[in-house]
Protein backbone atom coordinates (compact mmCIF):
# COMPACT_ATOMS: atom_id res chain seq x y z
CA MET A 1 -173.40 75.42 -54.26
CA ILE A 2 -172.36 79.01 -54.84
CA ARG A 3 -170.66 79.06 -51.45
CA ARG A 4 -169.02 75.74 -52.29
CA PHE A 5 -167.73 76.93 -55.64
CA GLY A 6 -166.80 80.23 -54.08
CA SER A 7 -164.70 78.42 -51.54
CA ILE A 8 -163.10 76.37 -54.27
CA SER A 9 -162.37 79.54 -56.20
CA VAL A 10 -160.68 81.09 -53.19
CA LEU A 11 -158.68 77.92 -52.65
CA VAL A 12 -157.56 77.82 -56.27
CA ARG A 13 -156.53 81.46 -56.16
CA ALA A 14 -154.54 80.81 -52.97
CA LEU A 15 -152.77 77.85 -54.52
CA ALA A 16 -152.00 79.84 -57.63
CA LEU A 17 -150.62 82.67 -55.54
CA GLY A 18 -148.43 80.22 -53.56
CA LEU A 19 -147.18 78.67 -56.80
CA MET A 20 -146.29 82.07 -58.17
CA VAL A 21 -144.42 82.98 -55.01
CA TRP A 22 -142.51 79.64 -55.10
CA VAL A 23 -141.65 80.01 -58.78
CA GLY A 24 -140.76 83.62 -58.31
CA GLY A 25 -138.51 82.75 -55.42
CA SER A 26 -136.78 80.07 -57.49
CA VAL A 27 -136.29 82.44 -60.37
CA ALA A 28 -135.06 85.13 -58.03
CA THR A 29 -132.64 82.69 -56.52
CA ALA A 30 -131.42 81.67 -59.94
CA GLN A 31 -131.11 85.28 -61.03
CA MET A 32 -129.57 86.55 -57.79
CA PRO A 33 -127.12 83.94 -56.41
CA GLY A 34 -126.16 86.23 -53.59
CA THR A 35 -129.54 85.86 -51.90
CA ALA A 36 -128.73 82.25 -50.74
CA ALA A 37 -125.09 82.97 -49.84
CA PRO A 38 -125.70 83.64 -46.15
CA ALA A 39 -127.19 80.14 -45.64
CA THR A 40 -124.42 78.47 -47.65
CA THR A 41 -121.66 80.44 -45.88
CA SER A 42 -123.11 79.56 -42.50
CA GLN A 43 -123.04 75.86 -43.34
CA ALA A 44 -119.41 76.07 -44.58
CA ASP A 45 -118.41 77.96 -41.45
CA ARG A 46 -119.96 75.29 -39.29
CA LEU A 47 -118.09 72.55 -41.18
CA ALA A 48 -114.81 74.45 -40.95
CA ALA A 49 -115.30 75.03 -37.24
CA LEU A 50 -116.08 71.35 -36.75
CA GLU A 51 -112.97 70.34 -38.67
CA LYS A 52 -110.83 72.78 -36.68
CA SER A 53 -112.24 71.50 -33.41
CA SER A 54 -111.52 67.93 -34.44
CA ALA A 55 -107.98 68.83 -35.46
CA ASP A 56 -107.41 70.71 -32.20
CA GLN A 57 -108.67 67.74 -30.21
CA ALA A 58 -106.39 65.37 -32.12
CA ALA A 59 -103.43 67.69 -31.56
CA ALA A 60 -104.25 67.96 -27.86
CA ILE A 61 -104.50 64.17 -27.55
CA ALA A 62 -101.19 63.72 -29.39
CA ALA A 63 -99.54 66.36 -27.20
CA ALA A 64 -100.86 64.70 -24.06
CA GLN A 65 -99.64 61.29 -25.22
CA SER A 66 -96.24 62.73 -26.09
CA ALA A 67 -96.00 64.47 -22.72
CA GLY A 68 -96.99 61.30 -20.87
CA ASP A 69 -94.60 59.12 -22.83
CA ASN A 70 -91.78 61.62 -22.47
CA SER A 71 -92.34 61.91 -18.71
CA TRP A 72 -92.19 58.14 -18.29
CA MET A 73 -89.04 57.89 -20.40
CA LEU A 74 -87.25 60.60 -18.43
CA VAL A 75 -88.17 58.86 -15.18
CA SER A 76 -87.01 55.55 -16.67
CA SER A 77 -83.71 57.12 -17.64
CA ALA A 78 -83.22 58.27 -14.06
CA LEU A 79 -84.13 54.79 -12.78
CA VAL A 80 -81.55 53.15 -15.04
CA LEU A 81 -78.89 55.59 -13.86
CA LEU A 82 -79.93 54.70 -10.30
CA MET A 83 -78.95 51.12 -11.15
CA SER A 84 -75.35 52.22 -11.68
CA GLY A 85 -75.02 54.71 -8.87
CA PRO A 86 -75.81 53.95 -6.15
CA GLY A 87 -77.23 50.50 -7.03
CA LEU A 88 -74.35 48.63 -8.67
CA ALA A 89 -71.73 50.65 -6.77
CA LEU A 90 -73.20 49.51 -3.45
CA PHE A 91 -73.82 45.96 -4.62
CA TYR A 92 -70.26 45.46 -5.85
CA GLY A 93 -68.76 47.62 -3.10
CA GLY A 94 -70.17 45.42 -0.38
CA LEU A 95 -68.92 42.22 -2.01
CA VAL A 96 -65.22 43.15 -2.01
CA ARG A 97 -62.84 43.32 0.93
CA ARG A 98 -62.83 46.49 2.99
CA LYS A 99 -59.57 47.78 1.54
CA ASN A 100 -61.10 47.85 -1.97
CA VAL A 101 -64.55 49.31 -1.34
CA LEU A 102 -63.89 52.84 -2.64
CA GLY A 103 -61.82 51.60 -5.58
CA THR A 104 -64.66 49.31 -6.63
CA MET A 105 -67.31 52.00 -6.25
CA MET A 106 -65.13 54.48 -8.11
CA GLN A 107 -64.98 52.18 -11.14
CA THR A 108 -68.77 52.34 -11.51
CA PHE A 109 -68.89 56.08 -10.83
CA ALA A 110 -66.18 56.69 -13.41
CA MET A 111 -68.37 55.03 -16.05
CA MET A 112 -71.16 57.49 -15.27
CA ALA A 113 -68.83 60.33 -16.27
CA VAL A 114 -66.56 58.88 -18.97
CA ILE A 115 -69.18 56.94 -20.94
CA THR A 116 -71.49 59.97 -20.94
CA VAL A 117 -68.89 62.14 -22.64
CA LEU A 118 -67.92 59.36 -25.04
CA TRP A 119 -71.60 58.80 -25.91
CA ALA A 120 -72.02 62.45 -26.84
CA LEU A 121 -68.86 62.47 -28.93
CA VAL A 122 -69.12 59.28 -30.95
CA THR A 123 -70.64 56.11 -29.49
CA TYR A 124 -74.30 57.17 -29.82
CA SER A 125 -73.68 57.64 -33.51
CA LEU A 126 -71.95 54.27 -33.80
CA ALA A 127 -74.81 52.54 -32.00
CA PHE A 128 -77.89 54.28 -33.41
CA GLY A 129 -76.78 56.28 -36.42
CA GLU A 130 -77.49 55.24 -40.00
CA GLY A 131 -74.88 52.72 -41.09
CA ASN A 132 -74.63 49.14 -42.26
CA ALA A 133 -75.83 45.88 -40.71
CA PHE A 134 -73.00 45.82 -38.16
CA ILE A 135 -72.19 49.38 -37.08
CA GLY A 136 -73.68 52.85 -37.29
CA GLY A 137 -72.09 55.68 -39.19
CA LEU A 138 -70.65 59.00 -38.07
CA HIS A 139 -73.65 61.13 -39.04
CA ASN A 140 -74.55 61.85 -35.42
CA VAL A 141 -71.11 62.48 -33.91
CA PHE A 142 -71.18 65.30 -31.34
CA LEU A 143 -74.95 64.60 -31.28
CA ARG A 144 -75.37 66.35 -34.61
CA GLY A 145 -78.97 65.95 -35.77
CA VAL A 146 -80.11 64.66 -32.38
CA GLY A 147 -82.75 67.20 -31.47
CA LEU A 148 -86.16 67.49 -29.85
CA ALA A 149 -88.13 66.14 -32.79
CA PRO A 150 -88.99 62.42 -32.59
CA ASP A 151 -87.45 59.82 -34.88
CA PRO A 152 -90.40 57.55 -35.78
CA LYS A 153 -88.12 54.60 -36.52
CA TYR A 154 -87.05 54.57 -32.88
CA ALA A 155 -89.86 56.23 -30.92
CA ALA A 156 -92.61 58.29 -32.53
CA THR A 157 -93.90 60.09 -29.44
CA ILE A 158 -90.77 61.22 -27.58
CA PRO A 159 -87.96 63.61 -28.52
CA LEU A 160 -84.92 61.95 -30.05
CA GLN A 161 -82.84 63.45 -27.25
CA THR A 162 -84.95 61.56 -24.71
CA PHE A 163 -84.33 58.34 -26.60
CA MET A 164 -80.63 59.19 -26.74
CA VAL A 165 -80.29 59.81 -23.00
CA PHE A 166 -82.29 56.68 -22.14
CA GLN A 167 -79.95 54.54 -24.24
CA LEU A 168 -76.98 56.32 -22.66
CA MET A 169 -77.90 54.85 -19.29
CA PHE A 170 -77.60 51.36 -20.77
CA ALA A 171 -74.21 52.23 -22.20
CA ILE A 172 -73.07 53.35 -18.73
CA ILE A 173 -74.04 50.29 -16.72
CA THR A 174 -72.90 47.68 -19.26
CA PRO A 175 -69.12 48.22 -18.91
CA ALA A 176 -69.59 48.85 -15.18
CA LEU A 177 -70.88 45.28 -14.86
CA ILE A 178 -67.55 43.94 -16.17
CA THR A 179 -65.68 45.47 -13.24
CA GLY A 180 -67.05 42.75 -10.99
CA ALA A 181 -64.83 40.15 -12.67
CA PHE A 182 -61.51 41.95 -12.20
CA ALA A 183 -62.32 43.53 -8.83
CA GLU A 184 -59.37 44.17 -6.51
CA ARG A 185 -56.59 43.81 -9.07
CA MET A 186 -56.74 46.17 -12.09
CA LYS A 187 -55.11 49.60 -12.33
CA PHE A 188 -57.55 52.48 -12.46
CA SER A 189 -55.79 53.93 -15.52
CA ALA A 190 -55.96 50.58 -17.28
CA MET A 191 -59.63 50.22 -16.40
CA LEU A 192 -60.46 53.60 -17.92
CA THR A 193 -58.55 52.88 -21.14
CA PHE A 194 -60.06 49.42 -21.46
CA MET A 195 -63.62 50.64 -20.93
CA VAL A 196 -63.35 53.44 -23.49
CA LEU A 197 -62.12 51.03 -26.15
CA TRP A 198 -64.65 48.37 -25.13
CA ALA A 199 -67.54 50.81 -25.43
CA ILE A 200 -66.43 51.73 -28.95
CA PHE A 201 -65.51 48.33 -30.36
CA VAL A 202 -67.78 45.88 -28.50
CA TYR A 203 -70.83 47.65 -27.07
CA SER A 204 -71.57 49.99 -29.98
CA PRO A 205 -71.59 47.33 -32.72
CA MET A 206 -73.73 44.97 -30.65
CA ALA A 207 -76.22 47.72 -29.79
CA HIS A 208 -76.45 48.69 -33.45
CA MET A 209 -76.98 45.12 -34.65
CA VAL A 210 -79.84 44.52 -32.21
CA TRP A 211 -81.50 47.94 -31.90
CA GLY A 212 -80.07 50.24 -34.57
CA LYS A 213 -81.48 51.13 -37.98
CA GLY A 214 -80.56 48.42 -40.47
CA GLY A 215 -79.05 46.24 -37.75
CA LEU A 216 -78.44 42.60 -38.61
CA LEU A 217 -80.44 41.36 -35.61
CA ASN A 218 -83.08 44.10 -35.37
CA ALA A 219 -86.51 42.46 -35.13
CA SER A 220 -88.57 45.65 -35.36
CA LEU A 221 -86.79 47.16 -38.37
CA GLY A 222 -86.38 44.12 -40.60
CA GLY A 223 -83.01 42.66 -39.61
CA ARG A 224 -81.71 39.56 -41.39
CA PHE A 225 -81.93 37.51 -38.19
CA PRO A 226 -84.70 39.10 -36.07
CA CYS A 227 -83.55 38.61 -32.49
CA LEU A 228 -86.03 39.18 -29.68
CA ASP A 229 -84.13 41.30 -27.17
CA PHE A 230 -86.47 43.75 -25.54
CA ALA A 231 -84.08 45.44 -23.12
CA GLY A 232 -80.57 44.04 -23.47
CA GLY A 233 -80.09 40.33 -22.86
CA THR A 234 -77.52 40.16 -25.65
CA VAL A 235 -76.50 43.81 -25.83
CA VAL A 236 -75.95 44.34 -22.10
CA HIS A 237 -75.69 41.09 -20.21
CA ILE A 238 -74.06 38.61 -22.58
CA THR A 239 -71.48 41.13 -23.77
CA SER A 240 -70.59 42.30 -20.26
CA GLY A 241 -70.68 38.82 -18.72
CA VAL A 242 -68.59 37.10 -21.38
CA SER A 243 -66.14 40.01 -21.48
CA ALA A 244 -65.92 39.74 -17.69
CA LEU A 245 -64.92 36.08 -17.92
CA VAL A 246 -62.30 36.83 -20.58
CA THR A 247 -60.87 39.64 -18.46
CA ALA A 248 -60.73 37.47 -15.33
CA LEU A 249 -58.89 34.73 -17.22
CA TYR A 250 -56.48 37.18 -18.85
CA LEU A 251 -55.60 38.93 -15.59
CA GLY A 252 -55.32 35.77 -13.55
CA LYS A 253 -56.39 35.16 -9.98
CA ARG A 254 -56.11 37.51 -7.05
CA LEU A 255 -53.20 36.93 -4.69
CA GLU A 256 -53.87 33.97 -2.39
CA TYR A 257 -57.08 33.02 -4.21
CA PRO A 258 -58.63 30.52 -3.50
CA ARG A 259 -56.44 29.50 -0.55
CA GLU A 260 -57.33 32.57 1.50
CA PRO A 261 -61.04 33.23 2.19
CA MET A 262 -62.21 36.51 0.64
CA PRO A 263 -65.75 37.02 1.95
CA PRO A 264 -67.76 40.21 1.33
CA HIS A 265 -66.89 42.90 3.83
CA SER A 266 -70.50 44.16 4.03
CA VAL A 267 -73.48 42.14 2.85
CA VAL A 268 -75.59 45.01 4.18
CA LEU A 269 -74.23 47.35 1.48
CA SER A 270 -74.78 44.67 -1.15
CA PHE A 271 -78.32 44.07 0.11
CA ILE A 272 -79.17 47.77 -0.24
CA GLY A 273 -77.56 47.85 -3.67
CA ALA A 274 -79.52 44.81 -4.84
CA CYS A 275 -82.80 46.36 -3.73
CA LEU A 276 -81.95 49.55 -5.64
CA LEU A 277 -81.10 47.45 -8.69
CA TRP A 278 -84.48 45.73 -8.48
CA VAL A 279 -86.31 49.08 -8.35
CA GLY A 280 -84.16 50.61 -11.09
CA TRP A 281 -84.75 47.62 -13.33
CA PHE A 282 -88.36 48.70 -13.82
CA GLY A 283 -87.01 51.66 -15.78
CA PHE A 284 -84.56 49.38 -17.57
CA ASN A 285 -87.21 46.97 -18.85
CA ALA A 286 -90.55 48.81 -18.76
CA GLY A 287 -88.82 51.91 -20.12
CA SER A 288 -87.73 49.89 -23.14
CA ALA A 289 -91.34 50.03 -24.33
CA LEU A 290 -90.42 53.64 -25.20
CA SER A 291 -93.92 54.74 -24.22
CA ALA A 292 -96.25 54.71 -21.23
CA GLY A 293 -98.70 52.24 -22.75
CA ASN A 294 -99.78 48.64 -22.28
CA LEU A 295 -96.42 47.20 -23.29
CA ALA A 296 -94.70 49.10 -20.48
CA THR A 297 -97.17 47.59 -18.01
CA SER A 298 -96.50 44.09 -19.34
CA ALA A 299 -92.73 44.54 -19.12
CA PHE A 300 -93.01 46.01 -15.62
CA ILE A 301 -94.96 43.00 -14.33
CA ALA A 302 -92.73 40.46 -16.09
CA THR A 303 -89.67 42.12 -14.54
CA HIS A 304 -91.02 41.88 -11.02
CA PHE A 305 -92.27 38.32 -11.40
CA GLY A 306 -89.01 37.13 -12.94
CA ALA A 307 -86.91 38.59 -10.13
CA ALA A 308 -89.14 37.13 -7.42
CA ALA A 309 -89.14 33.64 -8.93
CA ALA A 310 -85.36 33.66 -9.39
CA ALA A 311 -84.75 34.72 -5.80
CA ILE A 312 -86.83 31.75 -4.70
CA GLY A 313 -85.13 29.39 -7.16
CA TRP A 314 -81.59 30.34 -6.07
CA SER A 315 -82.51 30.24 -2.37
CA ALA A 316 -84.20 26.85 -2.74
CA ALA A 317 -81.18 25.37 -4.51
CA GLU A 318 -78.89 26.81 -1.85
CA TRP A 319 -81.10 25.50 0.94
CA ILE A 320 -81.15 22.02 -0.55
CA ARG A 321 -77.36 21.99 -1.00
CA SER A 322 -76.19 23.60 2.24
CA GLY A 323 -79.15 23.45 4.57
CA ARG A 324 -79.81 27.21 4.72
CA ALA A 325 -80.85 30.14 2.56
CA THR A 326 -78.52 33.15 2.83
CA ALA A 327 -79.21 36.83 2.26
CA LEU A 328 -76.35 36.95 -0.25
CA GLY A 329 -77.86 34.04 -2.15
CA ALA A 330 -81.32 35.61 -2.22
CA ILE A 331 -80.11 38.93 -3.62
CA SER A 332 -77.85 37.17 -6.12
CA GLY A 333 -80.83 35.13 -7.28
CA ALA A 334 -82.97 38.23 -7.68
CA VAL A 335 -80.31 39.89 -9.84
CA ALA A 336 -79.99 36.70 -11.91
CA GLY A 337 -83.74 36.75 -12.51
CA LEU A 338 -83.65 40.40 -13.51
CA VAL A 339 -80.88 39.61 -15.97
CA ALA A 340 -82.73 36.66 -17.51
CA ILE A 341 -86.08 38.42 -17.84
CA THR A 342 -84.49 41.48 -19.50
CA PRO A 343 -84.65 40.21 -23.11
CA ALA A 344 -88.06 38.60 -22.55
CA SER A 345 -89.81 41.31 -20.53
CA GLY A 346 -91.68 42.83 -23.48
CA PHE A 347 -92.64 39.53 -25.07
CA VAL A 348 -93.90 37.13 -22.38
CA THR A 349 -96.87 36.69 -20.05
CA PRO A 350 -96.54 36.97 -16.26
CA ILE A 351 -96.64 33.18 -15.83
CA SER A 352 -93.92 32.71 -18.43
CA ALA A 353 -91.89 35.31 -16.55
CA LEU A 354 -92.18 33.17 -13.42
CA TRP A 355 -90.83 30.16 -15.30
CA ILE A 356 -87.94 32.14 -16.79
CA GLY A 357 -87.02 33.53 -13.37
CA LEU A 358 -87.19 30.15 -11.66
CA ILE A 359 -85.04 28.46 -14.31
CA ALA A 360 -82.52 31.32 -14.28
CA GLY A 361 -82.22 31.32 -10.49
CA VAL A 362 -81.32 27.63 -10.36
CA PHE A 363 -79.11 27.76 -13.47
CA CYS A 364 -77.08 30.76 -12.31
CA TYR A 365 -76.64 29.22 -8.86
CA PHE A 366 -75.19 26.13 -10.56
CA MET A 367 -72.85 28.28 -12.67
CA VAL A 368 -71.58 30.25 -9.66
CA VAL A 369 -71.24 27.38 -7.20
CA LYS A 370 -70.33 24.37 -9.35
CA VAL A 371 -68.97 25.47 -12.73
CA LYS A 372 -66.76 28.20 -11.28
CA ALA A 373 -65.30 25.70 -8.79
CA ILE A 374 -64.72 23.07 -11.48
CA PHE A 375 -62.75 25.40 -13.76
CA GLY A 376 -61.18 27.45 -10.96
CA TYR A 377 -61.36 30.90 -12.59
CA ASP A 378 -61.44 33.97 -10.35
CA ASP A 379 -64.55 35.86 -11.41
CA SER A 380 -64.38 37.98 -8.27
CA LEU A 381 -68.01 39.06 -7.99
CA ASP A 382 -69.55 36.46 -10.35
CA ALA A 383 -70.20 38.83 -13.22
CA PHE A 384 -70.06 35.93 -15.69
CA GLY A 385 -72.03 33.49 -13.55
CA VAL A 386 -74.91 35.97 -13.18
CA HIS A 387 -74.80 38.21 -16.26
CA GLY A 388 -73.11 36.04 -18.88
CA ALA A 389 -74.96 32.85 -17.94
CA GLY A 390 -78.20 34.62 -17.03
CA GLY A 391 -78.21 36.69 -20.20
CA THR A 392 -77.61 33.62 -22.34
CA ILE A 393 -80.35 31.48 -20.77
CA GLY A 394 -82.70 34.47 -20.81
CA ALA A 395 -82.12 35.16 -24.51
CA LEU A 396 -82.77 31.51 -25.33
CA LEU A 397 -85.92 31.27 -23.20
CA THR A 398 -87.23 34.45 -24.81
CA GLY A 399 -87.40 32.54 -28.08
CA VAL A 400 -89.36 29.81 -26.33
CA PHE A 401 -91.95 31.81 -24.37
CA ALA A 402 -92.46 34.94 -26.53
CA THR A 403 -96.05 35.44 -27.64
CA SER A 404 -97.67 37.78 -30.15
CA ALA A 405 -100.49 38.39 -27.65
CA ILE A 406 -98.04 40.57 -25.72
CA ASN A 407 -96.01 42.00 -28.58
CA PRO A 408 -96.70 41.14 -32.26
CA ILE A 409 -93.28 42.45 -33.25
CA LEU A 410 -92.96 40.08 -36.21
CA GLY A 411 -96.31 41.16 -37.66
CA ALA A 412 -100.00 40.87 -36.84
CA GLY A 413 -101.18 37.28 -36.81
CA LYS A 414 -97.66 35.86 -36.93
CA ALA A 415 -96.34 33.49 -34.27
CA THR A 416 -93.50 34.91 -32.18
CA GLY A 417 -91.98 32.21 -29.99
CA LEU A 418 -91.49 28.45 -30.10
CA LEU A 419 -94.50 27.61 -27.94
CA GLU A 420 -96.66 29.71 -30.23
CA GLY A 421 -95.42 27.79 -33.28
CA ASN A 422 -92.44 29.82 -34.52
CA LYS A 423 -89.68 27.21 -34.45
CA GLY A 424 -87.32 29.42 -36.44
CA GLN A 425 -87.11 31.97 -33.64
CA ILE A 426 -84.86 29.68 -31.63
CA LEU A 427 -82.36 29.76 -34.50
CA ASN A 428 -82.50 33.57 -34.59
CA GLN A 429 -81.87 33.69 -30.85
CA LEU A 430 -78.92 31.29 -31.16
CA VAL A 431 -77.43 33.41 -33.94
CA ALA A 432 -77.65 36.52 -31.75
CA ILE A 433 -76.15 34.67 -28.78
CA ALA A 434 -73.29 33.36 -30.91
CA ILE A 435 -72.54 36.83 -32.31
CA ALA A 436 -72.60 38.38 -28.83
CA TRP A 437 -70.25 35.71 -27.45
CA THR A 438 -67.86 35.92 -30.41
CA LEU A 439 -67.70 39.72 -30.48
CA SER A 440 -67.17 39.84 -26.72
CA ILE A 441 -64.41 37.21 -26.67
CA VAL A 442 -62.45 38.49 -29.66
CA GLY A 443 -62.97 42.20 -28.98
CA THR A 444 -62.11 41.92 -25.30
CA LEU A 445 -58.98 39.87 -25.91
CA VAL A 446 -57.64 42.34 -28.46
CA ILE A 447 -58.38 45.34 -26.24
CA LEU A 448 -56.81 43.69 -23.19
CA PHE A 449 -53.68 42.90 -25.16
CA VAL A 450 -53.33 46.47 -26.41
CA VAL A 451 -53.99 48.05 -23.00
CA ASP A 452 -51.62 45.64 -21.30
CA LYS A 453 -48.82 46.61 -23.69
CA VAL A 454 -49.48 50.34 -23.45
CA VAL A 455 -50.23 51.02 -19.77
CA GLY A 456 -50.19 47.61 -18.06
CA LEU A 457 -53.33 46.01 -16.67
CA ARG A 458 -52.60 44.73 -13.22
CA VAL A 459 -51.51 46.54 -10.07
CA SER A 460 -48.28 45.43 -8.41
CA GLU A 461 -48.32 42.79 -5.68
CA GLU A 462 -47.60 45.45 -3.09
CA ASP A 463 -50.48 47.63 -4.31
CA GLU A 464 -52.83 44.65 -4.38
CA ARG A 465 -51.97 43.74 -0.81
CA THR A 466 -52.40 47.36 0.26
CA GLY A 467 -55.74 47.59 -1.52
CA LEU A 468 -57.07 49.71 -4.36
CA ASP A 469 -58.41 52.41 -2.07
CA LEU A 470 -54.96 53.54 -0.92
CA SER A 471 -52.84 52.41 -3.86
CA GLN A 472 -55.04 53.87 -6.62
CA HIS A 473 -56.89 56.71 -4.90
CA GLY A 474 -54.97 57.57 -1.74
CA GLU A 475 -57.99 57.31 0.56
CA GLU A 476 -59.88 54.76 2.62
CA GLY A 477 -63.53 53.85 2.74
CA TYR A 478 -63.58 53.53 6.50
CA ASP A 479 -61.57 55.73 8.88
CA PHE A 480 -62.16 54.13 12.25
CA ALA A 481 -59.37 56.15 13.89
CA ASN A 482 -61.56 59.24 13.74
């Protein structure tokens, strides 16, 4: 018993001692706050280090995304420039007669120089500067305020200068497309004057309405009539194609057309040019995603599928009508498909892209072969039949096939195209088409009238018979004597 109670006594004393130590420690801690500071500081340091590491990781991820997006956009800009030179220059150059090959190529090359300077001076500001619903202001003339920081309203992960130079490539090729309608008969001086005015008064307003801040037709920034135009069906192809038709009608036919056959002097050059256009068009459409993400992939695939289906559609129609499929027909069909899929490329599935391409190939073939013959206009290289007609049918079909599964541009959970349940989108597309046609017709007519009065539009009969190479530039594309 004594041992038992003795053990209990020892245990009680030990517990009492532990309690005193615990209480003493608590009192000491309360009396001396500094004694716990090392533990508290260590915990705060660990939290701060964790927060810094998380912030550094986020910054590194954002920098990597920005670098990737910027790299893709710079490559896309180069691809779109490739579409002009050498792509379009070769395509158009091969379609004209031999005596006009350099003059035709020079028209496209001139746009690469002249439109670039004009874009830096004023037209970028008119297209993408802050303004009203129809035209941008003059805040960004001489590229003032266009620096290396992104503009989130346009593209949040790339420098504004990258966005600017990418859009410049569109501004270059659009007027160059018009040259196909008046090939072999317009003065070089008149062409330059016309294109400068056209870029200011037709292209810039249309680009602003569809893609600019506050634009009437801008679907991503709350325009009054949200038009689905991912990469330029209205801005590039309808404006250039309709303006091409107006110019061809205003100038009149080439000498001896259509009595004298005027076949392409080199389908080989045109074939190479068409292939370069097809490759460059990936930058044109997939680059319009303005990032290197999923939307760029979708637009890339739609572009390829649309071109392939249109080449088949045109060739099939040609085969049925004439009993053979030609190389010229196949490449023309591919370009028609690329035109038609341009507004839809960032909104439709691959299968829808096949349908759009197939429809466009057959439709544009009909416009070039039948409608042109019925009305008898001399659209030399079928700029209207391919770009005007293809851009129009493509813009309309975009409103039919667009789906929010690819691009919920109108808002999450909202239907995008007609087949998805948005019947009103067809009206928006028709409004955009009507505006593009009206602006192109009226603007082009006024500009042609002014240029004709000031410098004269058409070369003399003698110069036309000689050819543009010698009469306008004093050189020849082919010197077989040497």
